[in-house]
Every structure is written in C-alpha cells, then in structure tokens.
N, C-alpha and C. Protein backbone atom coordinates (compact mmCIF):
# COMPACT_ATOMS: atom_id res chain seq x y z
N MET A 1 -9.84 14.51 -9.46
CA MET A 1 -9.12 13.36 -9.97
C MET A 1 -8.91 12.31 -8.88
N ALA A 2 -8.69 12.78 -7.64
CA ALA A 2 -8.41 11.83 -6.55
C ALA A 2 -9.62 10.96 -6.24
N ASP A 3 -10.83 11.48 -6.43
CA ASP A 3 -12.02 10.67 -6.15
C ASP A 3 -12.24 9.59 -7.20
N ARG A 4 -11.59 9.71 -8.34
CA ARG A 4 -11.71 8.69 -9.38
C ARG A 4 -11.00 7.39 -8.98
N PHE A 5 -9.89 7.50 -8.25
CA PHE A 5 -9.12 6.34 -7.82
C PHE A 5 -9.38 6.07 -6.34
N HIS A 6 -10.60 5.73 -6.01
CA HIS A 6 -10.99 5.54 -4.61
C HIS A 6 -10.42 4.26 -4.00
N CYS A 7 -10.01 3.30 -4.80
CA CYS A 7 -9.41 2.05 -4.27
C CYS A 7 -7.90 2.13 -4.13
N LEU A 8 -7.30 3.21 -4.58
CA LEU A 8 -5.85 3.33 -4.56
C LEU A 8 -5.30 3.35 -3.14
N LYS A 9 -6.04 3.91 -2.19
CA LYS A 9 -5.55 3.96 -0.81
C LYS A 9 -5.41 2.55 -0.23
N TYR A 10 -6.27 1.63 -0.64
CA TYR A 10 -6.17 0.25 -0.15
C TYR A 10 -4.99 -0.47 -0.79
N GLY A 11 -4.74 -0.18 -2.05
CA GLY A 11 -3.58 -0.77 -2.73
C GLY A 11 -2.27 -0.28 -2.12
N LEU A 12 -2.21 1.01 -1.82
CA LEU A 12 -1.00 1.56 -1.21
C LEU A 12 -0.82 1.04 0.21
N ALA A 13 -1.90 0.87 0.93
CA ALA A 13 -1.81 0.30 2.29
C ALA A 13 -1.28 -1.12 2.23
N PHE A 14 -1.73 -1.90 1.25
CA PHE A 14 -1.22 -3.26 1.08
C PHE A 14 0.26 -3.26 0.75
N VAL A 15 0.67 -2.38 -0.15
CA VAL A 15 2.09 -2.31 -0.55
C VAL A 15 2.95 -1.95 0.65
N LEU A 16 2.54 -0.96 1.43
CA LEU A 16 3.34 -0.57 2.60
C LEU A 16 3.39 -1.68 3.64
N SER A 17 2.29 -2.39 3.82
CA SER A 17 2.29 -3.52 4.76
C SER A 17 3.18 -4.65 4.26
N PHE A 18 3.13 -4.92 2.98
CA PHE A 18 3.96 -5.96 2.38
C PHE A 18 5.45 -5.63 2.54
N ILE A 19 5.81 -4.38 2.29
CA ILE A 19 7.21 -3.97 2.43
C ILE A 19 7.64 -4.05 3.90
N GLY A 20 6.77 -3.69 4.82
CA GLY A 20 7.09 -3.79 6.24
C GLY A 20 7.34 -5.22 6.68
N VAL A 21 6.48 -6.14 6.23
CA VAL A 21 6.68 -7.55 6.56
C VAL A 21 7.96 -8.07 5.91
N LYS A 22 8.22 -7.64 4.69
CA LYS A 22 9.44 -8.07 3.99
C LYS A 22 10.69 -7.59 4.72
N MET A 23 10.63 -6.41 5.33
CA MET A 23 11.77 -5.91 6.08
C MET A 23 12.02 -6.71 7.36
N LEU A 24 10.98 -7.33 7.89
CA LEU A 24 11.12 -8.12 9.11
C LEU A 24 11.59 -9.55 8.86
N LEU A 25 11.61 -10.00 7.62
CA LEU A 25 11.99 -11.38 7.31
C LEU A 25 13.41 -11.74 7.76
N PRO A 26 14.43 -10.91 7.55
CA PRO A 26 15.76 -11.30 8.04
C PRO A 26 15.82 -11.43 9.56
N LEU A 27 15.12 -10.56 10.27
CA LEU A 27 15.08 -10.65 11.72
C LEU A 27 14.40 -11.94 12.16
N LEU A 28 13.33 -12.31 11.48
CA LEU A 28 12.63 -13.56 11.78
C LEU A 28 13.51 -14.76 11.48
N ALA A 29 14.26 -14.72 10.39
CA ALA A 29 15.15 -15.83 10.03
C ALA A 29 16.25 -15.99 11.07
N GLU A 30 16.81 -14.88 11.54
CA GLU A 30 17.84 -14.96 12.58
C GLU A 30 17.26 -15.51 13.88
N GLY A 31 16.02 -15.11 14.20
CA GLY A 31 15.37 -15.63 15.40
C GLY A 31 15.12 -17.12 15.32
N VAL A 32 14.73 -17.61 14.15
CA VAL A 32 14.50 -19.04 13.98
C VAL A 32 15.80 -19.81 14.16
N ILE A 33 16.88 -19.29 13.61
CA ILE A 33 18.18 -19.96 13.75
C ILE A 33 18.62 -19.96 15.21
N MET A 34 18.36 -18.87 15.93
CA MET A 34 18.73 -18.81 17.35
C MET A 34 17.92 -19.80 18.17
N VAL A 35 16.63 -19.95 17.87
CA VAL A 35 15.76 -20.84 18.65
C VAL A 35 16.06 -22.30 18.33
N VAL A 36 16.16 -22.64 17.06
CA VAL A 36 16.35 -24.03 16.66
C VAL A 36 17.80 -24.46 16.84
N GLY A 37 18.72 -23.58 16.54
CA GLY A 37 20.13 -23.89 16.68
C GLY A 37 20.77 -24.14 15.33
N ASP A 38 22.09 -23.96 15.30
CA ASP A 38 22.84 -24.14 14.06
C ASP A 38 23.15 -25.59 13.74
N ASP A 39 23.14 -26.44 14.74
CA ASP A 39 23.56 -27.82 14.53
C ASP A 39 22.46 -28.70 13.93
N THR A 40 21.22 -28.23 13.93
CA THR A 40 20.11 -29.00 13.36
C THR A 40 20.17 -28.90 11.84
N HIS A 41 20.02 -30.03 11.16
CA HIS A 41 20.06 -30.03 9.70
C HIS A 41 18.66 -30.31 9.16
N SER A 42 18.09 -29.31 8.52
CA SER A 42 16.79 -29.47 7.88
C SER A 42 16.76 -28.56 6.64
N ALA A 43 15.82 -28.82 5.80
CA ALA A 43 15.70 -28.02 4.57
C ALA A 43 15.33 -26.58 4.90
N PHE A 44 14.49 -26.40 5.93
CA PHE A 44 14.07 -25.05 6.30
C PHE A 44 15.26 -24.24 6.82
N LEU A 45 16.08 -24.83 7.68
CA LEU A 45 17.25 -24.11 8.19
C LEU A 45 18.28 -23.86 7.10
N ASP A 46 18.40 -24.78 6.18
CA ASP A 46 19.28 -24.56 5.04
C ASP A 46 18.79 -23.37 4.22
N PHE A 47 17.47 -23.29 4.04
CA PHE A 47 16.88 -22.16 3.32
C PHE A 47 17.13 -20.84 4.06
N THR A 48 16.96 -20.84 5.39
CA THR A 48 17.16 -19.60 6.14
C THR A 48 18.62 -19.15 6.10
N HIS A 49 19.55 -20.08 6.17
CA HIS A 49 20.97 -19.71 6.04
C HIS A 49 21.26 -19.13 4.66
N ARG A 50 20.71 -19.75 3.64
CA ARG A 50 20.93 -19.25 2.28
C ARG A 50 20.24 -17.90 2.08
N PHE A 51 19.09 -17.72 2.71
CA PHE A 51 18.37 -16.44 2.64
C PHE A 51 19.19 -15.33 3.30
N LEU A 52 19.74 -15.62 4.48
CA LEU A 52 20.53 -14.61 5.18
C LEU A 52 21.85 -14.30 4.48
N SER A 53 22.39 -15.26 3.75
CA SER A 53 23.64 -14.99 3.03
C SER A 53 23.41 -14.19 1.75
N GLY A 54 22.17 -13.98 1.36
CA GLY A 54 21.86 -13.16 0.19
C GLY A 54 21.79 -13.94 -1.10
N GLU A 55 21.66 -15.26 -1.01
CA GLU A 55 21.63 -16.08 -2.22
C GLU A 55 20.37 -15.83 -3.06
N TYR A 56 19.27 -15.49 -2.41
CA TYR A 56 18.00 -15.28 -3.11
C TYR A 56 17.66 -13.80 -3.27
N LYS A 57 18.63 -12.94 -3.15
CA LYS A 57 18.38 -11.50 -3.12
C LYS A 57 17.66 -11.01 -4.39
N GLN A 58 18.14 -11.37 -5.55
CA GLN A 58 17.54 -10.89 -6.79
C GLN A 58 16.12 -11.44 -6.98
N GLU A 59 15.89 -12.68 -6.60
CA GLU A 59 14.55 -13.26 -6.73
C GLU A 59 13.56 -12.52 -5.84
N PHE A 60 13.97 -12.20 -4.60
CA PHE A 60 13.08 -11.48 -3.69
C PHE A 60 12.82 -10.07 -4.18
N ILE A 61 13.80 -9.44 -4.80
CA ILE A 61 13.59 -8.10 -5.36
C ILE A 61 12.58 -8.16 -6.50
N ASN A 62 12.71 -9.15 -7.38
CA ASN A 62 11.79 -9.28 -8.50
C ASN A 62 10.37 -9.57 -8.03
N ILE A 63 10.23 -10.46 -7.05
CA ILE A 63 8.90 -10.78 -6.52
C ILE A 63 8.29 -9.56 -5.85
N SER A 64 9.07 -8.83 -5.08
CA SER A 64 8.56 -7.65 -4.38
C SER A 64 8.11 -6.58 -5.37
N LEU A 65 8.88 -6.37 -6.40
CA LEU A 65 8.51 -5.38 -7.41
C LEU A 65 7.23 -5.80 -8.11
N GLY A 66 7.10 -7.08 -8.42
CA GLY A 66 5.88 -7.56 -9.07
C GLY A 66 4.66 -7.43 -8.18
N VAL A 67 4.82 -7.74 -6.91
CA VAL A 67 3.68 -7.63 -5.98
C VAL A 67 3.27 -6.17 -5.82
N ALA A 68 4.24 -5.27 -5.66
CA ALA A 68 3.92 -3.84 -5.48
C ALA A 68 3.27 -3.26 -6.73
N ALA A 69 3.85 -3.53 -7.89
CA ALA A 69 3.28 -3.00 -9.13
C ALA A 69 1.91 -3.62 -9.41
N GLY A 70 1.77 -4.92 -9.14
CA GLY A 70 0.48 -5.58 -9.35
C GLY A 70 -0.61 -5.04 -8.43
N ALA A 71 -0.27 -4.77 -7.18
CA ALA A 71 -1.26 -4.24 -6.24
C ALA A 71 -1.72 -2.84 -6.64
N ILE A 72 -0.80 -2.00 -7.05
CA ILE A 72 -1.17 -0.65 -7.47
C ILE A 72 -1.97 -0.70 -8.77
N PHE A 73 -1.54 -1.52 -9.71
CA PHE A 73 -2.26 -1.66 -10.98
C PHE A 73 -3.67 -2.19 -10.73
N LEU A 74 -3.80 -3.22 -9.88
CA LEU A 74 -5.10 -3.78 -9.58
C LEU A 74 -6.02 -2.77 -8.89
N SER A 75 -5.46 -1.98 -7.98
CA SER A 75 -6.29 -0.99 -7.30
C SER A 75 -6.75 0.11 -8.25
N ILE A 76 -5.92 0.46 -9.22
CA ILE A 76 -6.34 1.46 -10.22
C ILE A 76 -7.43 0.88 -11.11
N ILE A 77 -7.27 -0.35 -11.56
CA ILE A 77 -8.28 -0.98 -12.41
C ILE A 77 -9.59 -1.13 -11.66
N LEU A 78 -9.52 -1.58 -10.40
CA LEU A 78 -10.75 -1.71 -9.60
C LEU A 78 -11.41 -0.37 -9.37
N SER A 79 -10.62 0.69 -9.23
CA SER A 79 -11.20 2.01 -9.05
C SER A 79 -11.95 2.47 -10.30
N LEU A 80 -11.44 2.10 -11.46
CA LEU A 80 -12.10 2.50 -12.70
C LEU A 80 -13.34 1.65 -12.99
N VAL A 81 -13.30 0.38 -12.56
CA VAL A 81 -14.42 -0.52 -12.85
C VAL A 81 -15.53 -0.36 -11.82
N LEU A 82 -15.15 -0.34 -10.55
CA LEU A 82 -16.14 -0.22 -9.48
C LEU A 82 -16.35 1.24 -9.13
N HIS A 83 -17.58 1.60 -8.97
CA HIS A 83 -17.89 2.97 -8.59
C HIS A 83 -18.08 3.03 -7.08
N PRO A 84 -17.74 4.16 -6.47
CA PRO A 84 -17.89 4.25 -5.01
C PRO A 84 -19.34 4.08 -4.61
N SER A 85 -19.55 3.53 -3.41
CA SER A 85 -20.91 3.22 -2.97
C SER A 85 -21.73 4.47 -2.74
N GLY A 86 -21.14 5.51 -2.27
CA GLY A 86 -21.87 6.76 -2.06
C GLY A 86 -20.92 7.93 -2.17
N ALA A 87 -21.45 9.05 -2.54
CA ALA A 87 -20.61 10.24 -2.67
C ALA A 87 -20.32 10.78 -1.27
N THR A 88 -19.10 11.15 -1.04
CA THR A 88 -18.72 11.71 0.24
C THR A 88 -19.13 13.18 0.30
N GLU A 89 -19.16 13.71 1.49
CA GLU A 89 -19.52 15.10 1.67
C GLU A 89 -18.52 16.02 0.96
N GLU A 90 -17.26 15.63 0.99
CA GLU A 90 -16.23 16.45 0.35
C GLU A 90 -16.44 16.51 -1.16
N SER A 91 -16.76 15.37 -1.78
CA SER A 91 -16.97 15.39 -3.23
C SER A 91 -18.24 16.15 -3.59
N LYS A 92 -19.27 16.08 -2.74
CA LYS A 92 -20.49 16.87 -2.98
C LYS A 92 -20.18 18.36 -2.91
N LEU A 93 -19.34 18.76 -1.95
CA LEU A 93 -18.97 20.17 -1.82
C LEU A 93 -18.18 20.63 -3.04
N PHE A 94 -17.23 19.83 -3.51
CA PHE A 94 -16.45 20.21 -4.69
C PHE A 94 -17.34 20.33 -5.92
N ARG A 95 -18.29 19.42 -6.06
CA ARG A 95 -19.19 19.49 -7.22
C ARG A 95 -20.09 20.71 -7.14
N SER A 96 -20.50 21.11 -5.93
CA SER A 96 -21.37 22.28 -5.81
C SER A 96 -20.60 23.57 -6.08
N LEU A 97 -19.29 23.59 -5.83
CA LEU A 97 -18.48 24.77 -6.08
C LEU A 97 -17.96 24.84 -7.50
N ASP A 98 -18.02 23.75 -8.25
CA ASP A 98 -17.50 23.70 -9.61
C ASP A 98 -18.51 24.39 -10.54
N PRO A 99 -18.10 25.46 -11.22
CA PRO A 99 -19.04 26.17 -12.09
C PRO A 99 -19.41 25.38 -13.34
N ASP A 100 -18.60 24.42 -13.74
CA ASP A 100 -18.89 23.64 -14.95
C ASP A 100 -19.86 22.50 -14.70
N SER A 101 -20.06 22.12 -13.43
CA SER A 101 -20.96 21.00 -13.16
C SER A 101 -22.41 21.49 -13.11
N ASP A 102 -23.32 20.54 -13.20
CA ASP A 102 -24.74 20.89 -13.19
C ASP A 102 -25.31 20.97 -11.77
N GLY A 103 -24.47 20.76 -10.73
CA GLY A 103 -24.91 20.91 -9.36
C GLY A 103 -25.42 19.63 -8.72
N ASN A 104 -25.42 18.51 -9.44
CA ASN A 104 -25.93 17.25 -8.88
C ASN A 104 -24.86 16.52 -8.18
C-alpha cells in the first residue's frame, strides 16, 4: 500500500517545512521591530505589531490548515495519477515474495 502513494513523502516534507517556517514568523517579526524600531510608522510595522498581538490568529490558523490539507490531498492525487518512474528493489522483492502475484 505504501508504494501506491509514492508522492506522499514530498507532500509531508512540504507540510513540515511550512509549519517550521510558520513557527519562525513571530521571531522574525520581533527581529524586524528591533531592527527598524518602534517609533517608525509604516504599514508593515503596523502589520507586524498586529500580528504579534494575535489579531490575525484565526486567519493564520485557517490558512495553515488549508495549506497542509491541500498539500497532502494534492500529493495523494498525484500519487494515484502519476506512476513511479521505476520499480524500486524493495518493491521488486515484495512482489517476488507475494504468492498471489505473477512474479513480474
């Protein structure tokens, strides 16, 4: 069954990378405020202050859930549509040991 979803590992790698970057966003926002300063007035700094105060918390949760679910769904669909380029040695061994298969 695992060889059927051969693209799933790439989807999961993307999801884990996305979550890791998302976890670094508050640290990056604090760093930007420290470098630029609190006294500067710009739309970007206003956004970072509002982001750090949790004003956009629900929107970021919804977007993150959509990205994670979409990436996993897309990797499953791609695995079903696209066939692997070549059979791996492990899958050849499993097929040779399976009594129900024809040995190919």
